[in-house]
Amino acid sequence: MKEYKVWAFARSAAPNLPALEDQLAEVMREADRRGYIIVNSCMEQKYGTEFWRPDLFAMLTAVQQGRVNAVMVQSLDRLSHDITALYRILRFLQNCGAVLITTETNLQYELYLTGLENRLLSRPKKRKPVWVCEECEDGNS
């Protein structure tokens, strides 16, 4: 069995901090129940259509640096509501060899509904990551 080093991620635009905290706690409980190692976690109170989200980029940087090999969320829309941004995030995770784990939804079905399932399965091999963290000192992480 592969050892997953997980970054637990929660996002909501609603101004309801207790609900956001509950979302993250539920993801972390599920990670613990499955025996995953929780390396880090974050909550974003941002709209899912916003592109610049510091916590999202911190998570992606950790993936790129190999500190985590799995991202865990309640559902796919916690990462983004924008299909283009969501595709870029998922492709980035694939390119870095990381997995996405959802706790409340069937990921394959969600990918099918968004039309991303076939795009991800037929992606070119060995592409470099498409993310660049503008706040990192070297600009490449």
Protein backbone atom coordinates (compact mmCIF):
# COMPACT_ATOMS: atom_id res chain seq x y z
CA MET A 1 0.00 0.00 0.00
CA LYS A 2 1.35 3.40 -0.99
CA GLU A 3 2.01 5.84 1.83
CA TYR A 4 0.14 9.09 1.22
CA LYS A 5 1.52 12.35 2.56
CA VAL A 6 -1.61 14.48 2.42
CA TRP A 7 -2.36 18.17 2.25
CA ALA A 8 -5.95 18.62 3.49
CA PHE A 9 -7.64 21.50 1.66
CA ALA A 10 -10.91 23.32 2.29
CA ARG A 11 -12.40 26.30 0.46
CA SER A 12 -15.62 28.25 0.65
CA ALA A 13 -16.64 31.72 -0.40
CA ALA A 14 -19.43 31.83 2.18
CA PRO A 15 -18.71 34.08 5.16
CA ASN A 16 -19.29 31.16 7.51
CA LEU A 17 -16.02 30.33 9.22
CA PRO A 18 -17.46 27.52 11.40
CA ALA A 19 -18.71 25.72 8.27
CA LEU A 20 -15.28 26.07 6.64
CA GLU A 21 -13.60 24.77 9.78
CA ASP A 22 -16.04 21.83 9.80
CA GLN A 23 -15.21 21.10 6.15
CA LEU A 24 -11.49 20.94 6.91
CA ALA A 25 -12.03 18.90 10.07
CA GLU A 26 -14.09 16.36 8.11
CA VAL A 27 -11.37 16.01 5.46
CA MET A 28 -8.71 15.58 8.13
CA ARG A 29 -10.78 12.99 10.03
CA GLU A 30 -11.19 11.00 6.82
CA ALA A 31 -7.46 11.21 6.09
CA ASP A 32 -6.72 9.97 9.60
CA ARG A 33 -9.31 7.18 9.28
CA ARG A 34 -7.61 5.98 6.09
CA GLY A 35 -4.19 6.03 7.74
CA TYR A 36 -2.74 8.86 5.65
CA ILE A 37 -0.02 11.14 6.99
CA ILE A 38 -1.36 14.69 7.22
CA VAL A 39 1.55 16.94 6.32
CA ASN A 40 -0.36 20.21 6.19
CA SER A 41 -3.79 21.72 5.84
CA CYS A 42 -5.36 25.01 4.89
CA MET A 43 -8.68 26.79 4.58
CA GLU A 44 -9.43 29.44 1.98
CA GLN A 45 -12.32 31.83 2.25
CA LYS A 46 -12.24 32.75 -1.42
CA TYR A 47 -14.44 32.33 -4.49
CA GLY A 48 -13.71 29.21 -6.53
CA THR A 49 -13.41 31.32 -9.67
CA GLU A 50 -10.57 33.45 -8.27
CA PHE A 51 -7.23 32.49 -9.77
CA TRP A 52 -4.76 34.00 -7.32
CA ARG A 53 -5.31 32.13 -4.06
CA PRO A 54 -2.22 32.02 -1.83
CA ASP A 55 -3.22 28.83 0.02
CA LEU A 56 -3.82 26.98 -3.25
CA PHE A 57 -0.40 28.02 -4.53
CA ALA A 58 1.25 27.02 -1.24
CA MET A 59 -0.30 23.57 -1.61
CA LEU A 60 0.81 23.27 -5.24
CA THR A 61 4.31 24.34 -4.27
CA ALA A 62 4.43 21.60 -1.62
CA VAL A 63 3.33 19.08 -4.27
CA GLN A 64 5.96 20.29 -6.72
CA GLN A 65 8.68 20.08 -4.06
CA GLY A 66 7.64 16.52 -3.20
CA ARG A 67 6.65 17.33 0.38
CA VAL A 68 3.16 15.93 -0.28
CA ASN A 69 2.01 13.32 -2.77
CA ALA A 70 -1.75 13.64 -2.24
CA VAL A 71 -4.30 16.42 -1.98
CA MET A 72 -7.52 15.69 -0.14
CA VAL A 73 -10.73 17.73 -0.53
CA GLN A 74 -14.44 17.18 -0.01
CA SER A 75 -15.19 17.54 -3.72
CA LEU A 76 -13.64 18.71 -6.96
CA ASP A 77 -15.27 22.15 -6.78
CA ARG A 78 -13.30 22.92 -3.60
CA LEU A 79 -10.28 23.42 -5.88
CA SER A 80 -12.00 25.61 -8.47
CA HIS A 81 -15.31 26.36 -10.16
CA ASP A 82 -13.49 27.49 -13.30
CA ILE A 83 -13.05 24.48 -15.62
CA THR A 84 -9.87 25.82 -17.22
CA ALA A 85 -8.21 26.48 -13.86
CA LEU A 86 -9.43 23.14 -12.53
CA TYR A 87 -7.94 21.34 -15.53
CA ARG A 88 -4.60 23.11 -14.97
CA ILE A 89 -4.61 22.12 -11.28
CA LEU A 90 -5.41 18.49 -12.06
CA ARG A 91 -2.86 18.31 -14.85
CA PHE A 92 -0.27 19.81 -12.51
CA LEU A 93 -1.02 17.17 -9.87
CA GLN A 94 -0.66 14.43 -12.49
CA ASN A 95 2.61 15.84 -13.80
CA CYS A 96 4.00 15.87 -10.26
CA GLY A 97 2.83 12.31 -9.58
CA ALA A 98 0.36 13.43 -6.90
CA VAL A 99 -3.14 12.09 -6.42
CA LEU A 100 -6.36 13.89 -5.65
CA ILE A 101 -8.66 12.27 -3.10
CA THR A 102 -12.25 13.39 -2.57
CA THR A 103 -14.12 12.54 0.61
CA GLU A 104 -17.77 13.21 -0.29
CA THR A 105 -18.02 12.63 -4.02
CA ASN A 106 -17.04 10.15 -6.69
CA LEU A 107 -14.06 11.82 -8.37
CA GLN A 108 -14.38 9.88 -11.62
CA TYR A 109 -18.04 10.88 -11.93
CA GLU A 110 -17.21 14.53 -11.19
CA LEU A 111 -14.51 14.50 -13.86
CA TYR A 112 -16.99 12.97 -16.31
CA LEU A 113 -19.60 15.66 -15.53
CA THR A 114 -17.08 18.46 -16.06
CA GLY A 115 -15.82 16.92 -19.31
CA LEU A 116 -12.30 16.66 -17.92
CA GLU A 117 -12.06 12.87 -17.65
CA ASN A 118 -11.06 12.27 -21.28
CA ARG A 119 -8.83 15.35 -21.41
CA LEU A 120 -6.83 14.12 -18.45
CA LEU A 121 -6.61 10.53 -19.67
CA SER A 122 -5.36 11.60 -23.09
CA ARG A 123 -2.90 14.24 -21.88
CA PRO A 124 0.64 14.25 -23.29
CA LYS A 125 3.20 12.41 -21.20
CA LYS A 126 6.13 14.04 -19.37
CA ARG A 127 4.95 17.64 -19.51
CA LYS A 128 6.53 20.13 -17.17
CA PRO A 129 4.35 21.70 -14.49
CA VAL A 130 2.36 24.70 -15.66
CA TRP A 131 2.38 26.57 -12.33
CA VAL A 132 4.83 29.22 -11.31
CA CYS A 133 4.65 30.67 -7.83
CA GLU A 134 5.25 34.40 -8.16
CA GLU A 135 5.97 34.77 -4.44
CA CYS A 136 8.77 32.20 -4.36
CA GLU A 137 12.27 33.65 -4.40
CA ASP A 138 13.44 31.72 -7.44
CA GLY A 139 10.10 32.04 -9.29
CA ASN A 140 10.08 28.35 -10.22
CA SER A 141 8.49 26.64 -7.26
